[in-house]
Amino acid sequence: MSTPAQHPAPWPLFEVTVGGYSPFIVAARTRSAARYASFLDWTDGKFGDFLRRVTIRKVPATAIRIDPYDYVRRNYGRDIRHGTRVAITGEGAGLEGAKGTVVHPGSDSTAYAHVVLDGAKHAMTVHPLSIIVEVA
């Protein structure tokens, strides 16, 4: 039986902590992109306030203890992880056959695959039945 193709993820993972609250994981192209994406989810003030309260550190994918794609694996049979190469199907003619890489969804659990298409600057959510895991 073949295993899913694992390639270097297009984006590193960052652990973000705001004001001492529980840290969360963000997949982003850069530390600045992780900071800004975190700010967009933060609703307690202005950007300057956010910058004074946030700490960000880069973490390896192997350091993540919670499997955010466990639900997808159990309920849809798609074995995906941060860095898994996939192809898209059934999401419309513009995306049919498009290839990309799964990234961490930024939460502890998700029912969708978060995929960065090759050449894209943003991740998109894709239904698990609309992905085909590329096998090495």
C-alpha atoms as a PDB file:
ATOM      1  CA  MET A   1       0.000   0.000   0.000  1.00  0.00           C
ATOM      2  CA  SER A   2       1.335   3.427  -0.947  1.00  0.00           C
ATOM      3  CA  THR A   3       1.674   6.322   1.458  1.00  0.00           C
ATOM      4  CA  PRO A   4       0.577   9.915   0.789  1.00  0.00           C
ATOM      5  CA  ALA A   5       3.174  12.064  -0.927  1.00  0.00           C
ATOM      6  CA  GLN A   6       4.767  14.430   1.603  1.00  0.00           C
ATOM      7  CA  HIS A   7       6.496  17.514   0.230  1.00  0.00           C
ATOM      8  CA  PRO A   8       7.849  20.498   2.098  1.00  0.00           C
ATOM      9  CA  ALA A   9       4.861  22.645   2.991  1.00  0.00           C
ATOM     10  CA  PRO A  10       4.688  25.924   1.122  1.00  0.00           C
ATOM     11  CA  TRP A  11       4.352  27.809   4.401  1.00  0.00           C
ATOM     12  CA  PRO A  12       5.924  27.346   7.805  1.00  0.00           C
ATOM     13  CA  LEU A  13       3.874  27.065  10.986  1.00  0.00           C
ATOM     14  CA  PHE A  14       3.847  29.769  13.656  1.00  0.00           C
ATOM     15  CA  GLU A  15       2.618  29.558  17.221  1.00  0.00           C
ATOM     16  CA  VAL A  16       0.815  32.789  18.101  1.00  0.00           C
ATOM     17  CA  THR A  17       0.028  33.924  21.637  1.00  0.00           C
ATOM     18  CA  VAL A  18      -1.984  37.076  22.296  1.00  0.00           C
ATOM     19  CA  GLY A  19      -1.937  38.570  25.774  1.00  0.00           C
ATOM     20  CA  GLY A  20      -1.017  35.331  27.511  1.00  0.00           C
ATOM     21  CA  TYR A  21      -4.034  33.390  26.235  1.00  0.00           C
ATOM     22  CA  SER A  22      -3.689  29.855  24.887  1.00  0.00           C
ATOM     23  CA  PRO A  23      -1.422  29.758  21.853  1.00  0.00           C
ATOM     24  CA  PHE A  24      -2.767  28.770  18.467  1.00  0.00           C
ATOM     25  CA  ILE A  25      -1.129  27.695  15.214  1.00  0.00           C
ATOM     26  CA  VAL A  26      -1.098  29.731  12.001  1.00  0.00           C
ATOM     27  CA  ALA A  27       0.282  28.564   8.653  1.00  0.00           C
ATOM     28  CA  ALA A  28       1.614  31.589   6.758  1.00  0.00           C
ATOM     29  CA  ARG A  29       4.248  32.535   4.203  1.00  0.00           C
ATOM     30  CA  THR A  30       6.094  34.794   6.654  1.00  0.00           C
ATOM     31  CA  ARG A  31       6.063  35.816  10.306  1.00  0.00           C
ATOM     32  CA  SER A  32       4.463  39.123   9.261  1.00  0.00           C
ATOM     33  CA  ALA A  33       1.719  37.301   7.352  1.00  0.00           C
ATOM     34  CA  ALA A  34       1.047  35.142  10.434  1.00  0.00           C
ATOM     35  CA  ARG A  35       0.853  38.274  12.585  1.00  0.00           C
ATOM     36  CA  TYR A  36      -1.597  39.987  10.233  1.00  0.00           C
ATOM     37  CA  ALA A  37      -3.784  36.874   9.793  1.00  0.00           C
ATOM     38  CA  SER A  38      -3.951  36.589  13.582  1.00  0.00           C
ATOM     39  CA  PHE A  39      -4.915  40.256  13.882  1.00  0.00           C
ATOM     40  CA  LEU A  40      -7.807  39.719  11.457  1.00  0.00           C
ATOM     41  CA  ASP A  41      -9.201  37.093  13.858  1.00  0.00           C
ATOM     42  CA  TRP A  42      -8.626  39.305  16.903  1.00  0.00           C
ATOM     43  CA  THR A  43     -11.523  41.607  17.803  1.00  0.00           C
ATOM     44  CA  ASP A  44     -10.293  43.439  20.899  1.00  0.00           C
ATOM     45  CA  GLY A  45      -8.846  46.663  19.544  1.00  0.00           C
ATOM     46  CA  LYS A  46      -6.517  48.366  17.155  1.00  0.00           C
ATOM     47  CA  PHE A  47      -3.490  46.958  15.374  1.00  0.00           C
ATOM     48  CA  GLY A  48      -1.064  48.829  17.651  1.00  0.00           C
ATOM     49  CA  ASP A  49      -2.699  47.287  20.736  1.00  0.00           C
ATOM     50  CA  PHE A  50      -2.483  43.873  19.103  1.00  0.00           C
ATOM     51  CA  LEU A  51       1.232  44.303  18.299  1.00  0.00           C
ATOM     52  CA  ARG A  52       2.008  45.095  21.953  1.00  0.00           C
ATOM     53  CA  ARG A  53       0.257  41.899  23.116  1.00  0.00           C
ATOM     54  CA  VAL A  54       1.297  39.322  20.486  1.00  0.00           C
ATOM     55  CA  THR A  55       4.233  36.926  20.469  1.00  0.00           C
ATOM     56  CA  ILE A  56       4.996  34.692  17.518  1.00  0.00           C
ATOM     57  CA  ARG A  57       7.463  31.858  17.175  1.00  0.00           C
ATOM     58  CA  LYS A  58       8.152  29.483  14.326  1.00  0.00           C
ATOM     59  CA  VAL A  59       7.452  25.826  15.128  1.00  0.00           C
ATOM     60  CA  PRO A  60       8.189  22.651  13.169  1.00  0.00           C
ATOM     61  CA  ALA A  61       5.198  20.648  11.944  1.00  0.00           C
ATOM     62  CA  THR A  62       6.443  17.722  14.020  1.00  0.00           C
ATOM     63  CA  ALA A  63       5.925  19.777  17.211  1.00  0.00           C
ATOM     64  CA  ILE A  64       2.155  19.982  16.716  1.00  0.00           C
ATOM     65  CA  ARG A  65       0.556  17.542  19.143  1.00  0.00           C
ATOM     66  CA  ILE A  66      -3.107  17.886  18.140  1.00  0.00           C
ATOM     67  CA  ASP A  67      -4.070  16.402  14.755  1.00  0.00           C
ATOM     68  CA  PRO A  68      -6.426  18.969  13.170  1.00  0.00           C
ATOM     69  CA  TYR A  69      -7.342  16.585  10.342  1.00  0.00           C
ATOM     70  CA  ASP A  70      -8.371  13.660  12.541  1.00  0.00           C
ATOM     71  CA  TYR A  71     -12.069  14.341  11.797  1.00  0.00           C
ATOM     72  CA  VAL A  72     -11.425  14.339   8.032  1.00  0.00           C
ATOM     73  CA  ARG A  73      -9.460  11.099   8.279  1.00  0.00           C
ATOM     74  CA  ARG A  74     -12.104   9.293  10.370  1.00  0.00           C
ATOM     75  CA  ASN A  75     -15.215  10.526   8.529  1.00  0.00           C
ATOM     76  CA  TYR A  76     -14.055  10.948   4.933  1.00  0.00           C
ATOM     77  CA  GLY A  77     -11.162   8.513   4.646  1.00  0.00           C
ATOM     78  CA  ARG A  78      -8.747  11.172   3.357  1.00  0.00           C
ATOM     79  CA  ASP A  79      -5.324  10.830   4.969  1.00  0.00           C
ATOM     80  CA  ILE A  80      -4.142  14.445   4.928  1.00  0.00           C
ATOM     81  CA  ARG A  81      -1.653  16.372   7.026  1.00  0.00           C
ATOM     82  CA  HIS A  82       0.259  19.630   6.784  1.00  0.00           C
ATOM     83  CA  GLY A  83       2.421  19.182   3.687  1.00  0.00           C
ATOM     84  CA  THR A  84       0.332  16.527   1.864  1.00  0.00           C
ATOM     85  CA  ARG A  85       0.150  17.087  -1.893  1.00  0.00           C
ATOM     86  CA  VAL A  86      -3.368  16.909  -3.338  1.00  0.00           C
ATOM     87  CA  ALA A  87      -5.323  17.466  -6.548  1.00  0.00           C
ATOM     88  CA  ILE A  88      -8.778  19.090  -6.601  1.00  0.00           C
ATOM     89  CA  THR A  89     -11.826  17.526  -8.236  1.00  0.00           C
ATOM     90  CA  GLY A  90     -15.534  18.336  -8.259  1.00  0.00           C
ATOM     91  CA  GLU A  91     -15.144  21.983  -7.180  1.00  0.00           C
ATOM     92  CA  GLY A  92     -15.905  23.529 -10.576  1.00  0.00           C
ATOM     93  CA  ALA A  93     -14.254  23.722 -13.974  1.00  0.00           C
ATOM     94  CA  GLY A  94     -11.782  26.410 -12.856  1.00  0.00           C
ATOM     95  CA  LEU A  95     -10.347  24.173 -10.139  1.00  0.00           C
ATOM     96  CA  GLU A  96     -10.642  20.737 -11.735  1.00  0.00           C
ATOM     97  CA  GLY A  97      -7.248  19.040 -11.592  1.00  0.00           C
ATOM     98  CA  ALA A  98      -5.553  21.928  -9.785  1.00  0.00           C
ATOM     99  CA  LYS A  99      -2.732  20.801  -7.530  1.00  0.00           C
ATOM    100  CA  GLY A 100      -1.744  22.139  -4.158  1.00  0.00           C
ATOM    101  CA  THR A 101      -0.475  21.425  -0.676  1.00  0.00           C
ATOM    102  CA  VAL A 102      -2.487  20.945   2.502  1.00  0.00           C
ATOM    103  CA  VAL A 103      -1.610  23.387   5.292  1.00  0.00           C
ATOM    104  CA  HIS A 104      -2.488  23.477   8.966  1.00  0.00           C
ATOM    105  CA  PRO A 105      -6.018  24.912   9.315  1.00  0.00           C
ATOM    106  CA  GLY A 106      -5.161  27.151  12.260  1.00  0.00           C
ATOM    107  CA  SER A 107      -7.532  25.345  14.602  1.00  0.00           C
ATOM    108  CA  ASP A 108      -7.570  22.189  16.675  1.00  0.00           C
ATOM    109  CA  SER A 109     -10.060  20.401  14.413  1.00  0.00           C
ATOM    110  CA  THR A 110     -11.631  20.938  11.036  1.00  0.00           C
ATOM    111  CA  ALA A 111     -14.074  19.258   8.691  1.00  0.00           C
ATOM    112  CA  TYR A 112     -12.486  20.763   5.559  1.00  0.00           C
ATOM    113  CA  ALA A 113      -9.099  20.570   3.909  1.00  0.00           C
ATOM    114  CA  HIS A 114      -7.146  23.836   3.840  1.00  0.00           C
ATOM    115  CA  VAL A 115      -5.195  23.847   0.588  1.00  0.00           C
ATOM    116  CA  VAL A 116      -2.737  26.281  -0.964  1.00  0.00           C
ATOM    117  CA  LEU A 117      -2.902  25.812  -4.713  1.00  0.00           C
ATOM    118  CA  ASP A 118       0.425  25.930  -6.519  1.00  0.00           C
ATOM    119  CA  GLY A 119       1.296  29.586  -7.136  1.00  0.00           C
ATOM    120  CA  ALA A 120      -1.468  30.939  -4.845  1.00  0.00           C
ATOM    121  CA  LYS A 121      -0.919  33.401  -2.007  1.00  0.00           C
ATOM    122  CA  HIS A 122      -3.869  32.293   0.125  1.00  0.00           C
ATOM    123  CA  ALA A 123      -5.224  28.996   1.389  1.00  0.00           C
ATOM    124  CA  MET A 124      -8.710  27.893   0.407  1.00  0.00           C
ATOM    125  CA  THR A 125     -11.066  25.453   2.078  1.00  0.00           C
ATOM    126  CA  VAL A 126     -12.032  22.390   0.087  1.00  0.00           C
ATOM    127  CA  HIS A 127     -14.487  19.638   0.945  1.00  0.00           C
ATOM    128  CA  PRO A 128     -12.571  16.448   1.803  1.00  0.00           C
ATOM    129  CA  LEU A 129     -14.396  14.452  -0.881  1.00  0.00           C
ATOM    130  CA  SER A 130     -13.128  16.958  -3.478  1.00  0.00           C
ATOM    131  CA  ILE A 131      -9.478  16.140  -2.915  1.00  0.00           C
ATOM    132  CA  ILE A 132      -7.354  13.364  -4.278  1.00  0.00           C
ATOM    133  CA  VAL A 133      -4.241  12.612  -2.253  1.00  0.00           C
ATOM    134  CA  GLU A 134      -1.227  12.293  -4.508  1.00  0.00           C
ATOM    135  CA  VAL A 135       0.677   9.090  -3.831  1.00  0.00           C
ATOM    136  CA  ALA A 136       4.477   8.967  -4.108  1.00  0.00           C
END
